[in-house]
N, C-alpha and C. Protein backbone atom coordinates (compact mmCIF):
# COMPACT_ATOMS: atom_id res chain seq x y z
N MET A 1 154.37 25.49 194.93
CA MET A 1 153.56 24.39 195.41
C MET A 1 153.97 24.13 196.87
N ASN A 2 152.99 24.16 197.75
CA ASN A 2 153.32 23.93 199.17
C ASN A 2 153.36 22.43 199.48
N THR A 3 153.71 22.09 200.68
CA THR A 3 153.91 20.70 201.09
C THR A 3 152.62 19.89 200.97
N LEU A 4 151.50 20.44 201.38
CA LEU A 4 150.23 19.72 201.31
C LEU A 4 149.88 19.39 199.86
N GLN A 5 150.07 20.35 198.97
CA GLN A 5 149.78 20.11 197.56
C GLN A 5 150.69 19.01 196.99
N MET A 6 151.95 19.03 197.40
CA MET A 6 152.89 18.01 196.93
C MET A 6 152.49 16.62 197.43
N VAL A 7 152.05 16.54 198.66
CA VAL A 7 151.62 15.26 199.23
C VAL A 7 150.39 14.75 198.48
N ILE A 8 149.42 15.63 198.25
CA ILE A 8 148.21 15.25 197.52
C ILE A 8 148.56 14.80 196.11
N PHE A 9 149.43 15.55 195.45
CA PHE A 9 149.87 15.20 194.10
C PHE A 9 150.55 13.82 194.10
N GLY A 10 151.41 13.58 195.07
CA GLY A 10 152.10 12.29 195.19
C GLY A 10 151.13 11.14 195.40
N VAL A 11 150.13 11.36 196.27
CA VAL A 11 149.13 10.32 196.54
C VAL A 11 148.32 10.03 195.27
N VAL A 12 147.96 11.06 194.53
CA VAL A 12 147.20 10.88 193.28
C VAL A 12 148.03 10.08 192.27
N ILE A 13 149.29 10.43 192.14
CA ILE A 13 150.17 9.72 191.20
C ILE A 13 150.33 8.26 191.62
N LEU A 14 150.62 8.02 192.89
CA LEU A 14 150.77 6.65 193.37
C LEU A 14 149.48 5.84 193.21
N GLY A 15 148.35 6.48 193.49
CA GLY A 15 147.06 5.81 193.31
C GLY A 15 146.81 5.45 191.85
N SER A 16 147.16 6.36 190.96
CA SER A 16 147.00 6.10 189.52
C SER A 16 147.88 4.94 189.08
N LEU A 17 149.13 4.94 189.53
CA LEU A 17 150.04 3.86 189.17
C LEU A 17 149.56 2.52 189.72
N ALA A 18 149.06 2.52 190.94
CA ALA A 18 148.54 1.28 191.53
C ALA A 18 147.32 0.79 190.75
N GLY A 19 146.45 1.70 190.36
CA GLY A 19 145.27 1.34 189.57
C GLY A 19 145.66 0.75 188.21
N LEU A 20 146.64 1.36 187.57
CA LEU A 20 147.11 0.86 186.28
C LEU A 20 147.73 -0.53 186.44
N TRP A 21 148.52 -0.71 187.49
CA TRP A 21 149.14 -2.01 187.74
C TRP A 21 148.08 -3.08 187.95
N LEU A 22 147.06 -2.78 188.75
CA LEU A 22 145.99 -3.74 189.01
C LEU A 22 145.21 -4.07 187.74
N ALA A 23 144.93 -3.05 186.94
CA ALA A 23 144.19 -3.27 185.69
C ALA A 23 144.99 -4.14 184.74
N THR A 24 146.28 -3.87 184.61
CA THR A 24 147.14 -4.66 183.73
C THR A 24 147.23 -6.10 184.21
N ARG A 25 147.36 -6.28 185.50
CA ARG A 25 147.42 -7.63 186.07
C ARG A 25 146.13 -8.39 185.78
N ASN A 26 144.99 -7.71 185.91
CA ASN A 26 143.69 -8.32 185.66
C ASN A 26 143.56 -8.73 184.19
N VAL A 27 144.04 -7.88 183.29
CA VAL A 27 143.97 -8.18 181.85
C VAL A 27 144.80 -9.41 181.53
N LYS A 28 146.00 -9.49 182.08
CA LYS A 28 146.85 -10.66 181.83
C LYS A 28 146.19 -11.93 182.35
N ARG A 29 145.57 -11.84 183.49
CA ARG A 29 144.88 -13.00 184.06
C ARG A 29 143.70 -13.41 183.16
N LYS A 30 142.92 -12.44 182.67
CA LYS A 30 141.80 -12.75 181.78
C LYS A 30 142.29 -13.42 180.50
N ARG A 31 143.41 -12.94 179.99
CA ARG A 31 143.93 -13.49 178.74
C ARG A 31 144.39 -14.93 178.92
N ARG A 32 144.95 -15.23 180.06
CA ARG A 32 145.47 -16.58 180.31
C ARG A 32 144.39 -17.57 180.75
N LEU A 33 143.25 -17.07 181.18
CA LEU A 33 142.18 -17.91 181.71
C LEU A 33 141.78 -19.07 180.79
N PRO A 34 141.56 -18.84 179.50
CA PRO A 34 141.16 -19.96 178.63
C PRO A 34 142.23 -21.05 178.51
N PHE A 35 143.46 -20.73 178.85
CA PHE A 35 144.56 -21.67 178.68
C PHE A 35 144.91 -22.43 179.96
N GLN A 36 144.33 -22.04 181.07
CA GLN A 36 144.77 -22.60 182.36
C GLN A 36 144.55 -24.10 182.48
N ASP A 37 143.52 -24.64 181.85
CA ASP A 37 143.25 -26.07 181.97
C ASP A 37 143.95 -26.91 180.90
N ARG A 38 144.62 -26.25 179.98
CA ARG A 38 145.36 -26.99 178.96
C ARG A 38 146.59 -27.63 179.59
N PRO A 39 146.86 -28.86 179.22
CA PRO A 39 148.11 -29.46 179.72
C PRO A 39 149.32 -28.77 179.08
N ASP A 40 150.38 -28.67 179.85
CA ASP A 40 151.61 -28.12 179.30
C ASP A 40 152.18 -29.09 178.28
N MET A 41 152.82 -28.52 177.26
CA MET A 41 153.44 -29.33 176.22
C MET A 41 154.83 -28.77 175.96
N SER A 42 155.85 -29.59 176.13
CA SER A 42 157.22 -29.14 175.88
C SER A 42 157.42 -28.88 174.39
N GLU A 43 158.50 -28.20 174.05
CA GLU A 43 158.81 -27.95 172.64
C GLU A 43 158.93 -29.27 171.89
N GLU A 44 159.58 -30.24 172.51
CA GLU A 44 159.76 -31.56 171.88
C GLU A 44 158.41 -32.22 171.63
N GLU A 45 157.53 -32.21 172.63
CA GLU A 45 156.19 -32.80 172.47
C GLU A 45 155.41 -32.07 171.38
N PHE A 46 155.50 -30.75 171.37
CA PHE A 46 154.81 -29.95 170.36
C PHE A 46 155.27 -30.35 168.97
N PHE A 47 156.58 -30.43 168.79
CA PHE A 47 157.16 -30.78 167.49
C PHE A 47 156.72 -32.18 167.07
N VAL A 48 156.88 -33.15 167.94
CA VAL A 48 156.57 -34.55 167.61
C VAL A 48 155.07 -34.72 167.36
N THR A 49 154.25 -34.09 168.18
CA THR A 49 152.79 -34.24 168.06
C THR A 49 152.25 -33.62 166.78
N TYR A 50 152.73 -32.44 166.42
CA TYR A 50 152.11 -31.70 165.32
C TYR A 50 152.94 -31.61 164.04
N TYR A 51 154.26 -31.71 164.13
CA TYR A 51 155.09 -31.42 162.96
C TYR A 51 156.14 -32.47 162.64
N ARG A 52 156.07 -33.61 163.25
CA ARG A 52 157.09 -34.65 163.04
C ARG A 52 157.27 -34.96 161.56
N ASP A 53 156.18 -35.06 160.82
CA ASP A 53 156.25 -35.44 159.41
C ASP A 53 156.29 -34.25 158.46
N ALA A 54 156.30 -33.06 159.01
CA ALA A 54 156.38 -31.86 158.16
C ALA A 54 157.84 -31.56 157.87
N SER A 55 158.09 -30.90 156.79
CA SER A 55 159.48 -30.55 156.45
C SER A 55 159.82 -29.16 157.00
N ILE A 56 159.53 -29.00 158.28
CA ILE A 56 159.80 -27.73 158.98
C ILE A 56 160.75 -28.06 160.12
N THR A 57 161.79 -27.26 160.25
CA THR A 57 162.77 -27.55 161.30
C THR A 57 162.19 -27.27 162.68
N LYS A 58 162.68 -28.03 163.63
CA LYS A 58 162.26 -27.84 165.02
C LYS A 58 162.64 -26.44 165.48
N GLU A 59 163.79 -25.94 165.02
CA GLU A 59 164.25 -24.61 165.41
C GLU A 59 163.26 -23.53 164.95
N THR A 60 162.77 -23.66 163.73
CA THR A 60 161.79 -22.69 163.21
C THR A 60 160.52 -22.72 164.05
N ILE A 61 160.04 -23.91 164.31
CA ILE A 61 158.81 -24.07 165.09
C ILE A 61 158.97 -23.48 166.48
N CYS A 62 160.06 -23.80 167.14
CA CYS A 62 160.29 -23.31 168.50
C CYS A 62 160.47 -21.80 168.52
N HIS A 63 161.13 -21.27 167.49
CA HIS A 63 161.31 -19.81 167.41
C HIS A 63 159.97 -19.10 167.27
N VAL A 64 159.12 -19.60 166.39
CA VAL A 64 157.80 -19.00 166.19
C VAL A 64 156.98 -19.11 167.48
N LEU A 65 157.04 -20.25 168.13
CA LEU A 65 156.32 -20.41 169.41
C LEU A 65 156.76 -19.37 170.43
N LYS A 66 158.06 -19.14 170.52
CA LYS A 66 158.58 -18.16 171.47
C LYS A 66 158.13 -16.75 171.12
N VAL A 67 158.11 -16.43 169.83
CA VAL A 67 157.64 -15.10 169.40
C VAL A 67 156.18 -14.91 169.80
N VAL A 68 155.35 -15.90 169.53
CA VAL A 68 153.93 -15.82 169.87
C VAL A 68 153.75 -15.74 171.39
N ALA A 69 154.49 -16.55 172.11
CA ALA A 69 154.39 -16.53 173.58
C ALA A 69 154.80 -15.18 174.15
N ASN A 70 155.89 -14.62 173.66
CA ASN A 70 156.34 -13.31 174.15
C ASN A 70 155.34 -12.21 173.81
N ALA A 71 154.80 -12.27 172.60
CA ALA A 71 153.87 -11.22 172.17
C ALA A 71 152.54 -11.29 172.91
N THR A 72 152.07 -12.48 173.17
CA THR A 72 150.75 -12.64 173.79
C THR A 72 150.80 -12.81 175.31
N GLU A 73 151.99 -13.06 175.83
CA GLU A 73 152.18 -13.34 177.25
C GLU A 73 151.44 -14.60 177.69
N ILE A 74 151.25 -15.51 176.74
CA ILE A 74 150.71 -16.84 177.02
C ILE A 74 151.92 -17.78 177.04
N PRO A 75 152.06 -18.62 178.04
CA PRO A 75 153.21 -19.53 178.05
C PRO A 75 153.26 -20.39 176.78
N ALA A 76 154.44 -20.55 176.22
CA ALA A 76 154.61 -21.35 175.00
C ALA A 76 154.11 -22.77 175.20
N THR A 77 154.17 -23.26 176.42
CA THR A 77 153.73 -24.63 176.72
C THR A 77 152.21 -24.79 176.59
N LYS A 78 151.48 -23.69 176.51
CA LYS A 78 150.01 -23.73 176.42
C LYS A 78 149.51 -23.46 175.00
N ILE A 79 150.38 -23.00 174.13
CA ILE A 79 149.97 -22.61 172.77
C ILE A 79 149.89 -23.86 171.89
N ARG A 80 148.87 -23.87 171.01
CA ARG A 80 148.68 -24.98 170.08
C ARG A 80 148.59 -24.43 168.65
N PRO A 81 148.87 -25.26 167.64
CA PRO A 81 148.82 -24.79 166.25
C PRO A 81 147.46 -24.25 165.84
N SER A 82 146.40 -24.77 166.41
CA SER A 82 145.05 -24.35 166.02
C SER A 82 144.60 -23.04 166.68
N ASP A 83 145.40 -22.51 167.59
CA ASP A 83 145.02 -21.25 168.25
C ASP A 83 144.96 -20.13 167.21
N ARG A 84 143.83 -19.43 167.23
CA ARG A 84 143.60 -18.36 166.26
C ARG A 84 143.97 -17.02 166.87
N PHE A 85 144.55 -16.15 166.05
CA PHE A 85 144.94 -14.83 166.52
C PHE A 85 143.73 -13.94 166.81
N ASP A 86 142.60 -14.24 166.18
CA ASP A 86 141.40 -13.43 166.41
C ASP A 86 140.46 -14.04 167.44
N ARG A 87 140.82 -15.17 168.02
CA ARG A 87 139.97 -15.79 169.05
C ARG A 87 140.78 -16.08 170.30
N GLU A 88 141.42 -17.24 170.32
CA GLU A 88 142.14 -17.66 171.53
C GLU A 88 143.25 -16.68 171.92
N LEU A 89 143.94 -16.14 170.94
CA LEU A 89 145.07 -15.25 171.21
C LEU A 89 144.71 -13.77 171.04
N ALA A 90 143.44 -13.49 170.87
CA ALA A 90 142.99 -12.11 170.67
C ALA A 90 143.19 -11.28 171.94
N PRO A 91 143.35 -9.98 171.77
CA PRO A 91 143.50 -9.12 172.95
C PRO A 91 142.21 -9.09 173.78
N VAL A 92 142.38 -8.81 175.05
CA VAL A 92 141.22 -8.66 175.94
C VAL A 92 140.47 -7.41 175.51
N ARG A 93 139.15 -7.50 175.49
CA ARG A 93 138.31 -6.37 175.07
C ARG A 93 138.65 -5.12 175.86
N GLY A 94 138.87 -4.03 175.13
CA GLY A 94 139.22 -2.77 175.77
C GLY A 94 140.72 -2.52 175.83
N TRP A 95 141.52 -3.54 175.53
CA TRP A 95 142.99 -3.41 175.58
C TRP A 95 143.61 -3.71 174.22
N GLU A 96 142.85 -3.54 173.17
CA GLU A 96 143.30 -3.88 171.83
C GLU A 96 144.55 -3.10 171.40
N PHE A 97 144.68 -1.86 171.87
CA PHE A 97 145.80 -1.03 171.44
C PHE A 97 147.05 -1.25 172.29
N ASP A 98 146.91 -1.98 173.37
CA ASP A 98 148.05 -2.27 174.24
C ASP A 98 148.32 -3.77 174.20
N ASP A 99 148.29 -4.31 173.00
CA ASP A 99 148.42 -5.75 172.85
C ASP A 99 149.66 -6.09 172.04
N GLY A 100 150.20 -7.26 172.28
CA GLY A 100 151.43 -7.68 171.63
C GLY A 100 151.27 -8.30 170.26
N LEU A 101 150.04 -8.43 169.75
CA LEU A 101 149.87 -9.06 168.45
C LEU A 101 150.56 -8.28 167.33
N ALA A 102 150.76 -6.99 167.53
CA ALA A 102 151.49 -6.21 166.53
C ALA A 102 152.92 -6.73 166.39
N GLU A 103 153.48 -7.24 167.49
CA GLU A 103 154.83 -7.81 167.44
C GLU A 103 154.89 -9.00 166.49
N ILE A 104 153.83 -9.79 166.46
CA ILE A 104 153.79 -10.94 165.56
C ILE A 104 153.75 -10.46 164.12
N SER A 105 152.99 -9.42 163.87
CA SER A 105 152.93 -8.84 162.53
C SER A 105 154.30 -8.31 162.10
N TRP A 106 154.98 -7.62 163.01
CA TRP A 106 156.32 -7.10 162.70
C TRP A 106 157.29 -8.25 162.44
N PHE A 107 157.17 -9.31 163.22
CA PHE A 107 158.02 -10.49 163.04
C PHE A 107 157.82 -11.06 161.64
N ALA A 108 156.55 -11.25 161.23
CA ALA A 108 156.26 -11.81 159.90
C ALA A 108 156.75 -10.87 158.81
N LYS A 109 156.55 -9.56 158.98
CA LYS A 109 157.01 -8.60 157.97
C LYS A 109 158.53 -8.60 157.85
N SER A 110 159.22 -8.76 158.96
CA SER A 110 160.68 -8.84 158.94
C SER A 110 161.13 -10.07 158.16
N LYS A 111 160.47 -11.19 158.39
CA LYS A 111 160.80 -12.43 157.66
C LYS A 111 160.51 -12.26 156.17
N MET A 112 159.39 -11.59 155.85
CA MET A 112 159.04 -11.34 154.45
C MET A 112 160.11 -10.50 153.77
N LYS A 113 160.54 -9.45 154.44
CA LYS A 113 161.54 -8.55 153.87
C LYS A 113 162.84 -9.30 153.60
N LYS A 114 163.27 -10.11 154.55
CA LYS A 114 164.52 -10.87 154.38
C LYS A 114 164.41 -11.87 153.24
N ALA A 115 163.21 -12.38 152.99
CA ALA A 115 163.01 -13.35 151.92
C ALA A 115 162.70 -12.68 150.59
N GLY A 116 162.55 -11.36 150.60
CA GLY A 116 162.25 -10.63 149.37
C GLY A 116 160.81 -10.77 148.93
N VAL A 117 159.92 -11.03 149.87
CA VAL A 117 158.50 -11.20 149.57
C VAL A 117 157.77 -9.90 149.88
N ARG A 118 156.96 -9.46 148.93
CA ARG A 118 156.24 -8.20 149.13
C ARG A 118 154.74 -8.41 149.37
N GLU A 119 154.23 -9.54 148.92
CA GLU A 119 152.80 -9.82 149.05
C GLU A 119 152.48 -10.35 150.45
N PRO A 120 151.71 -9.61 151.23
CA PRO A 120 151.33 -10.14 152.55
C PRO A 120 150.31 -11.27 152.39
N THR A 121 150.22 -12.08 153.39
CA THR A 121 149.26 -13.18 153.37
C THR A 121 148.45 -13.15 154.65
N GLN A 122 147.28 -13.74 154.62
CA GLN A 122 146.43 -13.80 155.81
C GLN A 122 146.90 -14.95 156.69
N LEU A 123 147.20 -14.64 157.92
CA LEU A 123 147.62 -15.65 158.89
C LEU A 123 146.58 -15.67 160.00
N HIS A 124 145.87 -16.78 160.11
CA HIS A 124 144.79 -16.87 161.09
C HIS A 124 145.17 -17.64 162.34
N THR A 125 146.06 -18.62 162.18
CA THR A 125 146.40 -19.49 163.30
C THR A 125 147.91 -19.53 163.53
N VAL A 126 148.30 -20.10 164.64
CA VAL A 126 149.72 -20.31 164.92
C VAL A 126 150.31 -21.23 163.85
N ASP A 127 149.56 -22.24 163.43
CA ASP A 127 150.03 -23.13 162.37
C ASP A 127 150.29 -22.36 161.08
N ASP A 128 149.38 -21.45 160.71
CA ASP A 128 149.59 -20.62 159.52
C ASP A 128 150.92 -19.87 159.62
N LEU A 129 151.17 -19.29 160.79
CA LEU A 129 152.40 -18.52 160.99
C LEU A 129 153.63 -19.42 160.90
N ILE A 130 153.59 -20.57 161.54
CA ILE A 130 154.73 -21.50 161.49
C ILE A 130 155.03 -21.91 160.05
N ARG A 131 154.01 -22.30 159.31
CA ARG A 131 154.21 -22.75 157.93
C ARG A 131 154.67 -21.61 157.03
N TYR A 132 154.15 -20.42 157.26
CA TYR A 132 154.54 -19.26 156.46
C TYR A 132 156.00 -18.89 156.73
N VAL A 133 156.40 -18.87 157.98
CA VAL A 133 157.79 -18.55 158.32
C VAL A 133 158.72 -19.60 157.73
N ALA A 134 158.33 -20.87 157.79
CA ALA A 134 159.15 -21.93 157.19
C ALA A 134 159.30 -21.72 155.69
N LEU A 135 158.21 -21.36 155.02
CA LEU A 135 158.25 -21.08 153.58
C LEU A 135 159.17 -19.89 153.29
N LEU A 136 159.05 -18.83 154.09
CA LEU A 136 159.90 -17.66 153.89
C LEU A 136 161.37 -17.99 154.10
N GLU A 137 161.66 -18.86 155.04
CA GLU A 137 163.06 -19.26 155.26
C GLU A 137 163.60 -20.03 154.07
N ILE A 138 162.76 -20.85 153.45
CA ILE A 138 163.18 -21.57 152.24
C ILE A 138 163.43 -20.57 151.12
N GLN A 139 162.52 -19.61 150.94
CA GLN A 139 162.69 -18.60 149.89
C GLN A 139 163.92 -17.74 150.14
N LYS A 140 164.18 -17.43 151.39
CA LYS A 140 165.37 -16.66 151.75
C LYS A 140 166.62 -17.44 151.37
N GLY A 141 166.62 -18.74 151.63
CA GLY A 141 167.75 -19.60 151.27
C GLY A 141 167.95 -19.66 149.77
N LYS A 142 166.87 -19.74 149.00
CA LYS A 142 166.97 -19.75 147.54
C LYS A 142 167.51 -18.43 147.03
N LYS A 143 167.05 -17.34 147.63
CA LYS A 143 167.51 -16.01 147.23
C LYS A 143 169.00 -15.89 147.49
N ARG A 144 169.44 -16.36 148.65
CA ARG A 144 170.86 -16.30 149.01
C ARG A 144 171.67 -17.17 148.05
N GLY A 145 171.15 -18.35 147.72
CA GLY A 145 171.84 -19.28 146.83
C GLY A 145 171.91 -18.80 145.39
N SER A 146 171.03 -17.88 145.02
CA SER A 146 171.01 -17.39 143.64
C SER A 146 172.01 -16.29 143.40
N GLY A 147 172.67 -15.85 144.45
CA GLY A 147 173.64 -14.77 144.30
C GLY A 147 173.01 -13.40 144.37
N LEU A 148 171.72 -13.33 144.63
CA LEU A 148 171.04 -12.04 144.71
C LEU A 148 171.17 -11.41 146.08
N HIS A 149 171.59 -12.19 147.04
CA HIS A 149 171.67 -11.72 148.42
C HIS A 149 173.10 -11.85 148.91
N PRO A 150 173.65 -10.80 149.50
CA PRO A 150 175.05 -10.87 149.94
C PRO A 150 175.27 -11.88 151.04
């Protein structure tokens, strides 16, 4: 390969990387667009507003919020219990296979395995996920207390 070919190859590679970076940036912006006008809500406000009277620990709620925020790249301060995984948190059209929602599924499956639950359940909203994880944590505690879990 001569010098000119190497330069052309380098320019093509750099151009491709720049195009991919711009496309990814645009997708992230599109995904966050519906949330931009939502007021920020701290973890404390989220807990008090939506779960104060529920028998779910603040730690569980905040952990689930962080998992959803990391997977979707939506700030946790913008996420609400009513957000649906197939609507508000759905992947941008055309980027379904490069989306973090699979991480949420893996998270739920990991919690199920630790609790000894084999039956999957349909989780449509962030609230569904929070309540399901809380239930699995209770079941995990019962399993541990029964002597079945080391």
